[in-house]
Protein backbone atom coordinates (compact mmCIF):
# COMPACT_ATOMS: atom_id res chain seq x y z
CA MET A 1 22.79 34.23 -0.73
CA SER A 2 25.73 31.85 -0.28
CA LYS A 3 28.62 31.52 -2.66
CA LYS A 4 27.81 30.07 -6.07
CA LYS A 5 29.40 26.82 -7.23
CA LYS A 6 31.02 26.63 -10.65
CA GLY A 7 28.71 25.49 -13.45
CA GLN A 8 29.95 24.18 -16.79
CA PHE A 9 26.81 23.83 -18.90
CA SER A 10 25.38 26.38 -21.32
CA ARG A 11 22.87 28.47 -19.43
CA SER A 12 19.29 28.31 -20.74
CA ILE A 13 16.22 30.22 -19.63
CA ILE A 14 13.85 28.08 -17.54
CA GLY A 15 10.50 28.02 -19.36
CA ARG A 16 7.04 27.78 -17.95
CA ASN A 17 5.45 24.42 -17.10
CA LEU A 18 8.77 22.57 -17.02
CA SER A 19 8.95 19.54 -14.73
CA ILE A 20 11.05 16.46 -14.13
CA GLY A 21 8.01 14.21 -14.31
CA ALA A 22 4.64 13.45 -12.74
CA ILE A 23 4.43 12.44 -9.09
CA ALA A 24 2.07 9.55 -9.92
CA ALA A 25 3.78 6.70 -11.80
CA GLU A 26 0.70 5.99 -13.91
CA ASN A 27 1.02 9.51 -15.40
CA ASP A 28 4.82 9.53 -15.73
CA ASP A 29 5.48 7.88 -19.12
CA ASN A 30 7.64 10.81 -20.27
CA TYR A 31 10.29 10.02 -17.63
CA LEU A 32 9.56 6.70 -15.91
CA PHE A 33 11.02 4.27 -18.42
CA ASP A 34 14.02 6.39 -19.50
CA CYS A 35 14.98 7.40 -15.97
CA PHE A 36 14.19 4.22 -14.07
CA ILE A 37 16.48 3.55 -11.11
CA HIS A 38 17.19 -0.14 -10.55
CA LEU A 39 17.01 -0.45 -6.78
CA PRO A 40 18.50 -3.66 -5.33
CA ILE A 41 15.03 -5.06 -4.68
CA PHE A 42 14.22 -4.96 -8.42
CA ALA A 43 16.48 -7.96 -8.99
CA GLU A 44 14.89 -10.03 -6.23
CA ILE A 45 11.30 -9.18 -7.11
CA THR A 46 11.91 -10.23 -10.75
CA ASP A 47 13.91 -13.36 -9.86
CA LEU A 48 11.61 -16.35 -10.38
CA ASN A 49 13.68 -18.44 -7.96
CA ASN A 50 13.30 -15.86 -5.19
CA SER A 51 10.32 -16.18 -2.83
CA LYS A 52 9.86 -12.39 -2.62
CA SER A 53 6.48 -11.58 -4.14
CA ILE A 54 5.04 -8.68 -2.09
CA LEU A 55 6.38 -5.27 -3.10
CA LEU A 56 5.91 -3.25 0.08
CA GLY A 57 6.26 0.47 0.70
CA ARG A 58 4.59 3.74 1.56
CA THR A 59 2.58 5.82 -0.87
CA GLY A 60 4.86 7.42 -3.46
CA CYS A 61 7.88 5.20 -2.88
CA GLY A 62 7.80 3.62 -6.35
CA LYS A 63 5.71 0.43 -6.15
CA THR A 64 3.60 1.21 -9.20
CA ALA A 65 6.69 2.47 -11.04
CA ILE A 66 8.38 -0.92 -10.58
CA LEU A 67 5.30 -2.81 -11.76
CA ARG A 68 4.92 -0.55 -14.79
CA TYR A 69 8.59 -1.03 -15.65
CA ILE A 70 8.18 -4.82 -15.46
CA GLU A 71 5.10 -4.59 -17.69
CA GLU A 72 6.96 -2.42 -20.21
CA LYS A 73 10.28 -4.25 -20.34
CA MET A 74 9.51 -7.92 -19.62
CA GLN A 75 7.88 -10.49 -21.87
CA ASN A 76 4.71 -12.43 -20.94
CA VAL A 77 3.28 -10.03 -18.34
CA PHE A 78 -0.31 -10.40 -17.13
CA ALA A 79 -2.16 -8.12 -14.71
CA ILE A 80 -5.13 -8.22 -12.34
CA ASP A 81 -6.84 -5.01 -11.29
CA PRO A 82 -8.78 -5.48 -8.00
CA THR A 83 -11.10 -2.61 -8.94
CA GLU A 84 -12.43 -4.81 -11.77
CA MET A 85 -13.15 -7.78 -9.51
CA ALA A 86 -16.72 -6.92 -8.46
CA LEU A 87 -15.78 -7.61 -4.83
CA GLU A 88 -18.55 -5.33 -3.62
CA TYR A 89 -20.80 -8.12 -4.88
CA VAL A 90 -19.11 -10.45 -2.38
CA ALA A 91 -19.37 -7.85 0.38
CA SER A 92 -23.10 -7.37 -0.21
CA SER A 93 -23.91 -11.09 -0.32
CA THR A 94 -26.56 -11.77 2.32
CA ALA A 95 -25.55 -15.42 2.61
CA ILE A 96 -21.86 -14.68 3.12
CA ARG A 97 -22.62 -11.89 5.61
CA LEU A 98 -24.83 -14.32 7.51
CA PHE A 99 -21.99 -16.76 8.05
CA GLU A 100 -19.42 -14.00 8.77
CA GLU A 101 -21.62 -12.47 11.46
CA ASN A 102 -22.20 -15.84 13.11
CA GLY A 103 -18.59 -16.83 13.59
CA VAL A 104 -17.89 -18.96 10.52
CA ASP A 105 -14.22 -18.67 9.49
CA MET A 106 -14.53 -17.71 5.82
CA ASN A 107 -10.78 -17.54 5.17
CA LEU A 108 -10.81 -20.78 3.14
CA PHE A 109 -13.54 -19.39 0.89
CA TYR A 110 -11.58 -16.17 0.32
CA GLN A 111 -8.48 -18.22 -0.50
CA LEU A 112 -10.54 -20.31 -2.93
CA LEU A 113 -11.80 -17.09 -4.48
CA TRP A 114 -8.24 -15.88 -5.12
CA LYS A 115 -7.04 -19.29 -6.34
CA HIS A 116 -9.98 -19.48 -8.71
CA VAL A 117 -9.52 -15.94 -10.03
CA ILE A 118 -5.74 -16.31 -10.50
CA CYS A 119 -6.02 -19.74 -12.13
CA VAL A 120 -8.71 -18.61 -14.55
CA GLU A 121 -6.90 -15.36 -15.35
CA ILE A 122 -3.53 -16.95 -16.10
CA ILE A 123 -5.24 -19.62 -18.21
CA ARG A 124 -7.20 -16.96 -20.11
CA GLN A 125 -4.18 -14.73 -20.70
CA ARG A 126 -1.54 -17.44 -21.21
CA PHE A 127 -3.63 -19.32 -23.79
CA HIS A 128 -5.28 -16.20 -25.28
CA VAL A 129 -8.83 -17.35 -24.57
CA ASN A 130 -11.14 -14.59 -25.75
CA SER A 131 -14.21 -16.46 -26.95
CA GLU A 132 -16.39 -19.47 -26.22
CA GLY A 133 -14.84 -21.32 -29.17
CA GLU A 134 -11.29 -20.75 -27.92
CA SER A 135 -12.34 -21.89 -24.44
CA SER A 136 -13.85 -25.13 -25.79
CA SER A 137 -10.77 -25.77 -27.94
CA LEU A 138 -8.48 -25.34 -24.93
CA PHE A 139 -10.52 -27.78 -22.83
CA ILE A 140 -10.27 -30.38 -25.61
CA LYS A 141 -6.49 -29.97 -25.76
CA LEU A 142 -6.12 -30.19 -21.99
CA PHE A 143 -8.34 -33.26 -21.67
CA ASP A 144 -6.33 -34.92 -24.44
CA TYR A 145 -3.07 -33.97 -22.74
CA LEU A 146 -4.36 -35.50 -19.48
CA ARG A 147 -5.90 -38.63 -20.96
CA THR A 148 -3.66 -40.88 -18.79
CA ASP A 149 -3.87 -38.79 -15.60
CA GLU A 150 -7.32 -39.36 -14.11
CA ARG A 151 -6.67 -37.21 -11.04
CA LYS A 152 -5.79 -34.12 -13.04
CA ARG A 153 -8.68 -34.76 -15.44
CA LYS A 154 -11.03 -34.59 -12.46
CA ALA A 155 -9.35 -31.43 -11.33
CA LEU A 156 -9.91 -29.88 -14.74
CA GLU A 157 -13.58 -30.76 -14.41
CA TYR A 158 -13.64 -28.36 -11.44
CA LEU A 159 -13.78 -25.46 -13.87
CA ARG A 160 -16.78 -26.97 -15.60
CA ASP A 161 -18.44 -27.87 -12.30
CA TRP A 162 -18.44 -24.20 -11.40
CA GLY A 163 -19.71 -23.26 -14.84
CA THR A 164 -16.77 -20.97 -15.48
CA LYS A 165 -16.52 -19.33 -18.88
CA LEU A 166 -12.82 -18.70 -19.37
CA TRP A 167 -13.33 -15.85 -21.82
CA VAL A 168 -15.52 -13.62 -19.64
CA ASN A 169 -14.27 -10.68 -17.60
CA ILE A 170 -12.85 -11.22 -14.14
CA ASP A 171 -15.83 -9.54 -12.45
CA GLU A 172 -18.19 -12.09 -14.01
CA ASN A 173 -16.01 -14.90 -12.67
CA ILE A 174 -16.22 -13.39 -9.17
CA LYS A 175 -20.00 -13.16 -9.35
CA GLU A 176 -20.30 -16.69 -10.69
CA ILE A 177 -18.19 -18.35 -8.02
CA THR A 178 -19.91 -16.33 -5.27
CA GLN A 179 -23.35 -17.32 -6.53
CA LYS A 180 -22.28 -20.95 -6.61
CA PHE A 181 -21.05 -20.70 -3.03
CA GLU A 182 -24.25 -18.95 -1.92
CA ASN A 183 -26.25 -21.84 -3.30
CA GLU A 184 -24.11 -24.30 -1.35
CA LEU A 185 -24.82 -22.31 1.82
CA ARG A 186 -28.56 -22.28 1.15
CA VAL A 187 -28.57 -26.04 0.61
CA ALA A 188 -26.80 -26.47 3.95
CA LEU A 189 -29.47 -24.40 5.71
CA GLY A 190 -32.24 -26.44 4.09
CA ALA A 191 -35.79 -25.30 4.71
CA ASN A 192 -34.58 -22.49 6.99
CA ALA A 193 -32.59 -20.73 4.25
CA MET A 194 -35.23 -18.25 3.10
CA PHE A 195 -36.29 -17.43 6.66
CA VAL A 196 -32.73 -16.87 7.89
CA GLU A 197 -31.68 -14.71 4.95
CA GLY A 198 -34.82 -12.62 5.33
CA GLN A 199 -34.00 -12.09 8.97
CA VAL A 200 -30.43 -11.01 8.11
CA ALA A 201 -31.66 -8.53 5.51
CA GLY A 202 -34.04 -7.10 8.10
CA GLY A 203 -31.30 -6.77 10.72
CA ALA A 204 -32.90 -9.29 13.10
CA LYS A 205 -30.94 -11.00 15.89
CA PHE A 206 -30.84 -14.78 16.28
CA SER A 207 -31.06 -16.95 19.34
CA GLU A 208 -27.92 -18.75 20.47
CA GLU A 209 -29.39 -22.02 19.23
CA ILE A 210 -29.91 -20.70 15.69
CA LYS A 211 -26.47 -19.03 15.73
CA LYS A 212 -24.89 -22.36 16.59
CA GLU A 213 -26.74 -24.10 13.77
CA ILE A 214 -25.69 -21.43 11.28
CA LYS A 215 -22.06 -21.68 12.41
CA ASP A 216 -22.05 -25.48 12.24
CA ARG A 217 -23.64 -25.58 8.79
CA GLY A 218 -21.39 -22.83 7.47
CA THR A 219 -18.24 -24.45 8.82
CA GLU A 220 -19.27 -27.71 7.16
CA VAL A 221 -19.78 -26.02 3.77
CA VAL A 222 -16.47 -24.13 3.92
CA SER A 223 -14.58 -27.28 4.91
CA LYS A 224 -15.92 -29.04 1.81
CA LEU A 225 -14.62 -26.41 -0.60
CA GLN A 226 -12.82 -27.95 -3.52
CA MET A 227 -9.38 -26.65 -2.55
CA ALA A 228 -7.71 -29.94 -3.48
CA LYS A 229 -9.02 -29.73 -7.04
CA LEU A 230 -7.73 -26.18 -7.38
CA THR A 231 -4.33 -27.36 -6.15
CA GLU A 232 -4.41 -29.94 -8.93
CA ILE A 233 -5.18 -27.16 -11.42
CA ILE A 234 -2.05 -25.36 -10.22
CA ASP A 235 -0.03 -28.57 -10.66
CA LEU A 236 -1.49 -28.93 -14.15
CA LEU A 237 -0.44 -25.40 -15.10
CA ALA A 238 3.07 -26.06 -13.79
CA ALA A 239 3.35 -29.02 -16.16
CA TYR A 240 1.44 -27.65 -19.15
CA GLY A 241 1.84 -24.15 -20.56
CA PHE A 242 4.36 -22.91 -18.00
CA ASP A 243 6.95 -25.65 -18.46
CA ASP A 244 9.40 -23.94 -20.84
CA PRO A 245 12.42 -22.81 -18.73
CA GLN A 246 13.28 -20.20 -21.38
CA GLN A 247 9.96 -18.40 -20.88
CA LYS A 248 9.28 -16.24 -17.83
CA TYR A 249 5.78 -15.11 -16.88
CA PHE A 250 4.72 -12.35 -14.49
CA LEU A 251 1.29 -11.74 -12.96
CA LEU A 252 1.07 -8.24 -11.47
CA ILE A 253 -1.53 -7.14 -8.92
CA ASP A 254 -1.61 -3.41 -8.17
CA GLY A 255 -4.17 -1.16 -6.51
CA ILE A 256 -5.02 -3.70 -3.81
CA ASP A 257 -4.51 -1.00 -1.16
CA SER A 258 -7.03 1.35 -2.78
CA LYS A 259 -10.72 1.46 -1.89
CA TRP A 260 -11.97 -1.48 -4.00
CA ALA A 261 -14.10 -3.16 -1.33
CA ASP A 262 -15.61 -2.56 2.09
CA ASP A 263 -12.79 -2.40 4.68
CA SER A 264 -14.14 -5.31 6.72
CA LEU A 265 -13.91 -7.54 3.63
CA ARG A 266 -10.85 -5.91 2.05
CA TYR A 267 -8.47 -6.81 4.89
CA LYS A 268 -9.69 -10.41 4.91
CA LEU A 269 -9.18 -10.66 1.16
CA ILE A 270 -5.67 -9.17 1.42
CA ARG A 271 -4.74 -11.70 4.11
CA ALA A 272 -6.22 -14.52 1.98
CA LEU A 273 -4.27 -13.35 -1.07
CA ILE A 274 -1.02 -13.41 0.90
CA GLU A 275 -1.74 -16.96 2.02
CA THR A 276 -2.65 -17.96 -1.53
CA LEU A 277 0.56 -16.64 -3.13
CA LYS A 278 2.56 -19.47 -1.58
CA ARG A 279 0.51 -22.07 -3.46
CA PHE A 280 1.51 -20.69 -6.86
CA ARG A 281 5.23 -21.11 -6.18
CA LYS A 282 4.76 -24.56 -7.75
CA ILE A 283 4.61 -22.88 -11.14
CA ARG A 284 8.35 -22.27 -11.43
CA ASN A 285 8.19 -20.04 -14.51
CA LEU A 286 5.51 -17.74 -13.07
CA LYS A 287 6.14 -14.92 -10.61
CA ILE A 288 3.17 -13.20 -8.97
CA VAL A 289 4.04 -9.70 -7.73
CA VAL A 290 1.65 -7.79 -5.48
CA ALA A 291 2.19 -4.10 -4.70
CA LEU A 292 0.98 -3.19 -1.21
CA ARG A 293 1.22 -0.19 1.10
CA THR A 294 3.02 -0.77 4.38
CA ASP A 295 0.20 0.55 6.55
CA VAL A 296 -2.42 -1.51 4.69
CA LEU A 297 -0.45 -4.74 5.13
CA GLU A 298 0.05 -4.13 8.85
CA ARG A 299 -3.61 -3.34 9.39
CA ALA A 300 -4.74 -6.34 7.31
CA LEU A 301 -2.59 -8.69 9.37
CA MET A 302 -3.69 -7.16 12.67
CA GLU A 303 -7.40 -7.10 11.73
CA THR A 304 -7.34 -10.77 10.72
CA LYS A 305 -4.85 -12.27 13.16
CA ASP A 306 -5.78 -15.57 14.75
CA ALA A 307 -4.33 -17.87 17.39
CA GLY A 308 -1.55 -18.97 15.02
CA TYR A 309 -0.65 -15.45 13.89
CA GLN A 310 3.09 -14.88 13.43
CA ARG A 311 4.08 -11.67 11.63
CA GLU A 312 7.59 -12.92 10.84
CA LYS A 313 6.34 -15.87 8.76
CA TYR A 314 5.53 -13.40 5.97
CA ASP A 315 8.99 -11.81 5.93
CA ASP A 316 10.35 -14.23 3.30
CA MET A 317 7.67 -13.00 0.89
CA ILE A 318 8.25 -9.26 1.35
CA SER A 319 10.54 -6.88 -0.56
CA GLU A 320 10.33 -3.51 1.17
CA ILE A 321 11.21 -0.46 -0.90
CA GLY A 322 13.64 1.96 0.70
CA TRP A 323 15.59 4.77 -0.94
CA GLU A 324 19.08 5.93 0.01
CA GLU A 325 20.01 9.55 -0.55
CA LYS A 326 22.44 8.58 -3.34
CA GLU A 327 19.64 6.72 -5.18
CA LEU A 328 17.29 9.69 -4.97
CA ARG A 329 20.10 11.94 -6.19
CA ALA A 330 20.64 9.57 -9.14
CA LEU A 331 16.91 9.72 -9.92
CA VAL A 332 16.93 13.53 -9.85
CA ASN A 333 20.07 13.76 -12.00
CA GLU A 334 18.62 11.38 -14.61
CA ARG A 335 15.43 13.41 -14.85
CA ILE A 336 17.07 16.84 -14.93
CA ASN A 337 19.48 15.63 -17.60
CA LEU A 338 16.65 14.22 -19.73
CA LEU A 339 14.64 17.44 -19.32
CA TYR A 340 17.54 19.59 -20.57
CA ARG A 341 18.45 17.22 -23.40
CA ARG A 342 14.89 17.37 -24.67
CA GLN A 343 14.47 21.11 -24.22
CA TYR A 344 17.83 22.79 -24.61
CA THR A 345 21.19 21.05 -24.93
CA LYS A 346 23.01 17.78 -25.61
CA GLN A 347 25.35 18.46 -22.73
CA ASN A 348 24.97 16.52 -19.48
CA VAL A 349 23.18 18.67 -16.90
CA ARG A 350 23.11 17.63 -13.26
CA PHE A 351 21.35 18.85 -10.16
CA GLU A 352 24.28 21.00 -9.00
CA ASP A 353 24.34 22.79 -12.37
CA LEU A 354 20.72 23.86 -12.03
CA PHE A 355 20.83 24.35 -8.23
CA PRO A 356 24.25 25.98 -7.64
CA TYR A 357 23.47 27.91 -4.45
CA LYS A 358 23.44 26.83 -0.83
CA VAL A 359 20.37 27.56 1.28
CA GLY A 360 21.92 29.35 4.20
CA ALA A 361 24.80 27.07 5.11
CA THR A 362 23.11 23.95 3.74
CA ASP A 363 23.84 22.14 0.48
CA PRO A 364 20.73 22.56 -1.74
CA PHE A 365 20.14 18.84 -2.28
CA ARG A 366 20.54 18.18 1.43
CA PHE A 367 18.00 20.94 2.11
CA LEU A 368 15.50 19.35 -0.30
CA ILE A 369 15.99 15.77 0.82
CA GLU A 370 15.56 16.65 4.51
CA ARG A 371 12.09 17.90 3.61
CA THR A 372 10.97 14.61 2.11
CA LEU A 373 10.03 11.18 3.42
CA ARG A 374 12.87 9.75 1.29
CA ARG A 375 10.62 8.77 -1.59
CA PRO A 376 10.56 9.78 -5.28
CA ARG A 377 7.13 11.42 -5.12
CA ASP A 378 8.32 14.03 -2.61
CA ILE A 379 11.61 14.99 -4.26
CA ILE A 380 10.00 15.19 -7.72
CA ALA A 381 7.20 17.40 -6.35
CA PHE A 382 9.68 19.72 -4.57
CA ILE A 383 11.93 20.17 -7.61
CA ASN A 384 8.92 20.77 -9.86
CA GLN A 385 7.81 23.51 -7.46
CA CYS A 386 11.31 25.02 -7.57
CA LEU A 387 11.19 25.07 -11.39
CA GLN A 388 7.92 27.00 -11.24
CA GLU A 389 9.57 29.57 -8.99
CA GLY A 390 12.60 29.85 -11.32
CA VAL A 391 10.74 30.69 -14.55
CA ASP A 392 12.68 33.13 -16.80
CA GLN A 393 15.92 32.52 -14.89
CA THR A 394 18.90 30.36 -15.86
CA GLU A 395 19.25 28.67 -12.47
CA ILE A 396 17.39 28.03 -9.23
CA THR A 397 18.37 30.35 -6.40
CA ALA A 398 18.15 29.88 -2.65
CA ARG A 399 15.21 32.32 -2.65
CA ASN A 400 13.42 30.17 -5.24
CA ILE A 401 13.86 27.12 -3.04
CA ARG A 402 12.53 28.92 0.03
CA ASP A 403 9.54 30.26 -1.92
CA ALA A 404 8.81 26.81 -3.38
CA GLU A 405 9.02 25.25 0.08
CA LEU A 406 5.80 26.90 1.28
CA GLU A 407 3.55 25.53 -1.46
CA TYR A 408 5.36 22.18 -1.44
CA SER A 409 4.86 21.91 2.34
CA ARG A 410 1.14 22.60 2.02
CA LYS A 411 0.74 19.96 -0.67
CA ARG A 412 2.67 17.36 1.33
CA LEU A 413 0.45 18.00 4.36
CA ASN A 414 -2.64 17.46 2.19
CA ALA A 415 -1.07 14.30 0.76
CA LEU A 416 -0.45 12.93 4.26
CA GLU A 417 -4.09 13.48 5.14
CA GLU A 418 -5.21 11.67 1.97
CA GLU A 419 -2.84 8.79 2.76
CA TRP A 420 -3.71 8.37 6.44
CA GLY A 421 -7.17 9.92 6.80
CA SER A 422 -8.91 6.55 6.59
CA VAL A 423 -6.69 5.15 9.36
CA TYR A 424 -6.88 8.21 11.61
CA LYS A 425 -10.25 9.88 11.22
CA SER A 426 -9.02 12.48 13.70
CA PHE A 427 -6.00 13.39 11.50
CA ALA A 428 -6.95 17.08 11.58
CA ALA A 429 -6.92 17.01 15.39
CA LEU A 430 -3.43 15.45 15.38
CA ILE A 431 -2.15 18.16 13.06
CA ASP A 432 -3.82 20.84 15.18
CA PHE A 433 -1.97 19.40 18.18
CA ILE A 434 1.49 19.87 16.64
CA LYS A 435 0.56 23.34 15.38
CA GLN A 436 0.37 24.39 19.01
CA GLN A 437 3.90 23.17 19.80
CA SER A 438 7.41 24.40 19.03
CA ASP A 439 9.40 22.56 16.36
CA THR A 440 11.00 20.36 19.04
CA PHE A 441 9.37 19.50 22.36
CA VAL A 442 9.57 17.00 25.20
CA LEU A 443 6.67 14.58 25.58
CA SER A 444 6.23 15.30 29.29
CA GLY A 445 5.86 19.00 28.48
CA VAL A 446 2.68 18.40 26.45
CA ALA A 447 1.18 15.66 28.62
CA THR A 448 -0.64 18.21 30.74
CA ARG A 449 -4.28 18.26 31.72
CA ASP A 450 -5.09 21.45 29.77
CA ILE A 451 -3.44 20.34 26.52
CA MET A 452 -4.73 16.75 26.63
CA GLU A 453 -8.31 17.69 27.59
CA TYR A 454 -8.50 20.06 24.62
CA THR A 455 -6.90 17.50 22.28
CA ALA A 456 -9.18 14.74 23.58
CA LEU A 457 -12.17 16.87 22.69
CA THR A 458 -10.98 17.49 19.12
CA ILE A 459 -10.06 13.81 18.64
CA SER A 460 -13.45 12.55 19.83
CA GLU A 461 -15.22 15.03 17.53
CA GLY A 462 -13.18 13.94 14.49
CA ASP A 463 -13.15 10.20 15.17
CA GLN A 464 -16.83 9.36 15.54
CA ASP A 465 -16.74 6.81 12.72
CA ASN A 466 -13.49 4.97 13.41
CA ARG A 467 -13.71 4.80 17.22
CA GLY A 468 -10.24 3.27 17.42
CA ASP A 469 -7.58 3.33 20.09
CA LEU A 470 -7.15 7.11 19.99
CA PHE A 471 -10.89 7.67 20.33
CA ARG A 472 -11.18 5.32 23.32
CA THR A 473 -8.25 6.94 25.13
CA ALA A 474 -9.56 10.43 24.35
CA LYS A 475 -12.90 9.38 25.84
CA GLU A 476 -11.12 8.25 29.04
CA VAL A 477 -9.46 11.66 29.33
CA LYS A 478 -12.80 13.42 28.88
CA GLU A 479 -14.44 11.23 31.51
CA SER A 480 -11.74 11.09 34.19
CA SER A 481 -8.71 13.29 33.35
CA SER A 482 -6.62 10.86 35.37
CA ILE A 483 -2.84 11.03 35.08
CA GLY A 484 -2.81 7.56 33.52
CA ALA A 485 -5.32 8.52 30.82
CA ILE A 486 -3.52 11.80 30.08
CA THR A 487 -0.07 10.22 29.65
CA SER A 488 -1.57 7.36 27.64
CA LEU A 489 -3.24 9.78 25.21
CA ALA A 490 -0.04 11.83 24.85
CA ARG A 491 1.94 8.70 23.97
CA LYS A 492 -0.68 7.49 21.49
CA ILE A 493 -0.77 10.87 19.77
CA ILE A 494 3.01 10.77 19.29
CA GLU A 495 2.82 7.12 18.13
CA ALA A 496 0.30 8.12 15.44
CA LEU A 497 2.23 11.23 14.34
CA TYR A 498 5.46 9.23 14.10
CA ARG A 499 3.76 6.49 12.09
CA VAL A 500 2.44 8.91 9.47
CA GLY A 501 5.82 10.65 9.20
CA ALA A 502 4.79 13.98 10.75
CA VAL A 503 7.33 13.80 13.59
CA ALA A 504 10.64 12.17 14.56
CA ILE A 505 11.35 10.81 18.04
CA LYS A 506 14.52 10.77 20.12
CA MET A 507 13.92 8.03 22.68
CA ASP A 508 17.09 8.73 24.63
CA SER A 509 19.50 11.65 24.86
CA SER A 510 22.37 9.45 23.67
CA GLU A 511 20.73 8.52 20.34
CA ARG A 512 19.69 10.37 17.20
CA PHE A 513 16.13 11.16 16.15
CA ARG A 514 14.26 8.23 14.63
CA TYR A 515 12.21 8.57 11.45
CA CYS A 516 9.55 6.06 10.37
CA TYR A 517 10.91 5.81 6.81
CA ILE A 518 14.53 5.27 7.93
CA ASP A 519 14.09 3.33 11.16
CA GLN A 520 11.22 1.13 12.36
CA PRO A 521 7.89 2.14 10.77
CA ILE A 522 5.98 1.94 14.07
CA ILE A 523 7.01 2.72 17.66
CA ALA A 524 4.51 1.38 20.18
CA ALA A 525 2.98 4.06 22.38
CA ASN A 526 3.82 2.30 25.64
CA SER A 527 7.51 2.16 24.70
CA ILE A 528 7.85 5.94 24.30
CA PRO A 529 9.42 7.42 27.48
CA MET A 530 7.94 10.59 28.89
CA ASP A 531 11.31 12.38 28.53
CA ALA A 532 11.44 11.55 24.80
CA LYS A 533 12.11 14.47 22.47
CA VAL A 534 9.70 14.96 19.57
CA ARG A 535 10.60 16.92 16.45
CA VAL A 536 8.16 18.15 13.80
CA HIS A 537 9.28 16.93 10.37
CA PRO A 538 10.87 19.81 8.40
CA MET A 539 8.62 18.92 5.44
CA LEU A 540 5.63 20.29 7.39
CA LEU A 541 7.13 23.31 9.15
CA ARG A 542 6.05 25.92 6.60
CA ALA A 543 2.53 24.51 6.20
CA LEU A 544 2.05 24.45 9.98
CA ASN A 545 3.70 27.85 10.43
CA VAL A 546 6.05 26.34 13.01
CA ARG A 547 9.35 28.17 13.36
CA GLU A 548 12.49 26.08 12.82
CA SER A 549 15.07 26.32 15.58
CA ALA A 550 18.67 27.10 14.67
CA ASP A 551 20.13 23.81 15.95
CA ARG A 552 17.91 21.47 13.90
CA LEU A 553 20.09 20.97 10.85
CA SER A 554 22.93 19.44 12.84
CA GLU A 555 20.61 16.56 13.80
CA ALA A 556 18.95 15.97 10.43
CA PRO A 557 18.56 12.34 9.26
C-alpha cells in the first residue's frame, strides 16, 4: 500500500448500501438536481437564439440528466415520449409498406407526421387543451384572431380537415393522421386498392408494370401532402401564443434512440425529425431539444442517405456531450460531499479525503478515470462499487479499489453488449477475439489465417440476423481465406472494437493511442495500417482476464 495522504475531515464508518447516486438519470433524483454540473454545452442547448437542438452523446454521458434538469429548473417545459407515439401502427400499415417497398420516397410523409405531432402537442400543452370543450373554445379564439388573415385561417382549417382532436393522447393523433393518409393512398390506387393490399399482406410479388403504377400513384399522393398548410400553422404559433419575449418554452424529446419502432422505420423517422426541427426555428421563443445517441444518429443518417446527403449540414444543430477529467472530478466531489453531509458531517468531504491511497504508483482518481469511457455513468458505478468494498471502514483503500474493479469491469462489459448488441449481433465473437490477445498487440500479428478463420466462424454464427459488413467479410474468409479477405476482416474487427470503446488504436509510432470518446468516434477500417498497435481498454481487462503490461500507465489517455 502506498503512502497515505493527509485527511482533514472527521472519520466516519462507511455504512452498507451507500452510493453517490444511481447510474441512470431517471432514477437519480437524490443527487441529480443538487449535484448537476453545468457543462459548456448546457448554455448553448438552452439558448433560444442558438441553432443547437440535438443533444448528442453515448449512453451514460448525461443526455437524460440535462433534459431532466431543464424540465425541473425551467418554466414552460413540454415533453414528447416516442414510446407513446404508436409508431408501430405506422410500421404495420399495409398501405405505407406497399409504397415503401415499391420505391416511393416517404420522407415527406414522415416529416408531415412529425410536424403534425409537434404542432398539435405544443398547441395542446401551451393552451392547456384537455377536453373537447377547451379545444372548441381555442378554435373560436384562433379564428377570431385570424379574421383578417385568410391564408392563416385556411391553414388552421388543416387541423379540422384531418379531424384532429387536440385533447386526445399523442398515440391517437398518430393513428388518425396515418389512417387519413392510408385513405388518400387507397383513393390514388382506385379500383386496384383492395387487390394490391391483399397481395402485399400475402407477400406476393408484383410485375414491373404494377410496381411502376404504385410508385407513380404514391409519389403523386406524397407530393400533394399539405406541408404548406402546416408551415402556416407554425407561422401562426410564432405570432400567437409564443410571441411574448419574456416567456421561454422548451419541448423535450428523449428516448428516441430506444426501441420504440421497427428499425427500418425508426431510422427514417429520426432523419425526418432532424429535417423537421429546422422548420420550428420560426417560433423564436420555443426551443426543441432532442436527446440522441451518437451511434444511432450516425446509423440513421447512413441508412437514409440520398444523393444530396451531406453529413456536415447537420453540424450546426448538434451539441455533442464530452466530459473533461476536471468536470468528472467536480461531479464526484459534489456527490461525495452531499453523501457525507446527509449521512455524517457538515464538513466538506472530497474525493481525496475518502480515497487517500495510491493504487501502486497511480493517483486513485487517475486509476478510476482511466477505467471509464469518460462519462458519469462509469465513474459513478465504479465509486459505488468501491463503497461496497469499504463497508465498516473509514476510508477506501487501494485493495478496496482493486477488489471493486473486478465486479465493475464485468458490469461495464455487460453494459457495452447491451449498448452495441443491436448494431453488432456478433458482439460476443468480437469480445472472444480480444480475450485471446495480450493487452497490447499489433494488427498484423492477429491478421493470420488461423486466427481469422476461427473468428470468421464465430462472427458468422453470431450475426445471422444482421448480416452486415462484418458478416459479409467473415463469409469471404470462410469461402476463400485469401490474404485480402483476411486483412480486411482483421481491420473491420478493430474498427468495430474501437467504435464501441473496447480498444484504443495507435495508428503510428509517433502518436499516442486514440480513444473513441476522446478522439474521433469512428476510424474507418481501410484507414487502419497493418502495423497499428491495438490496446484493450483498461476498463475491460479484469472482466476479460487479460493481464495488464507494466508500461501501460505511461501511455494512458
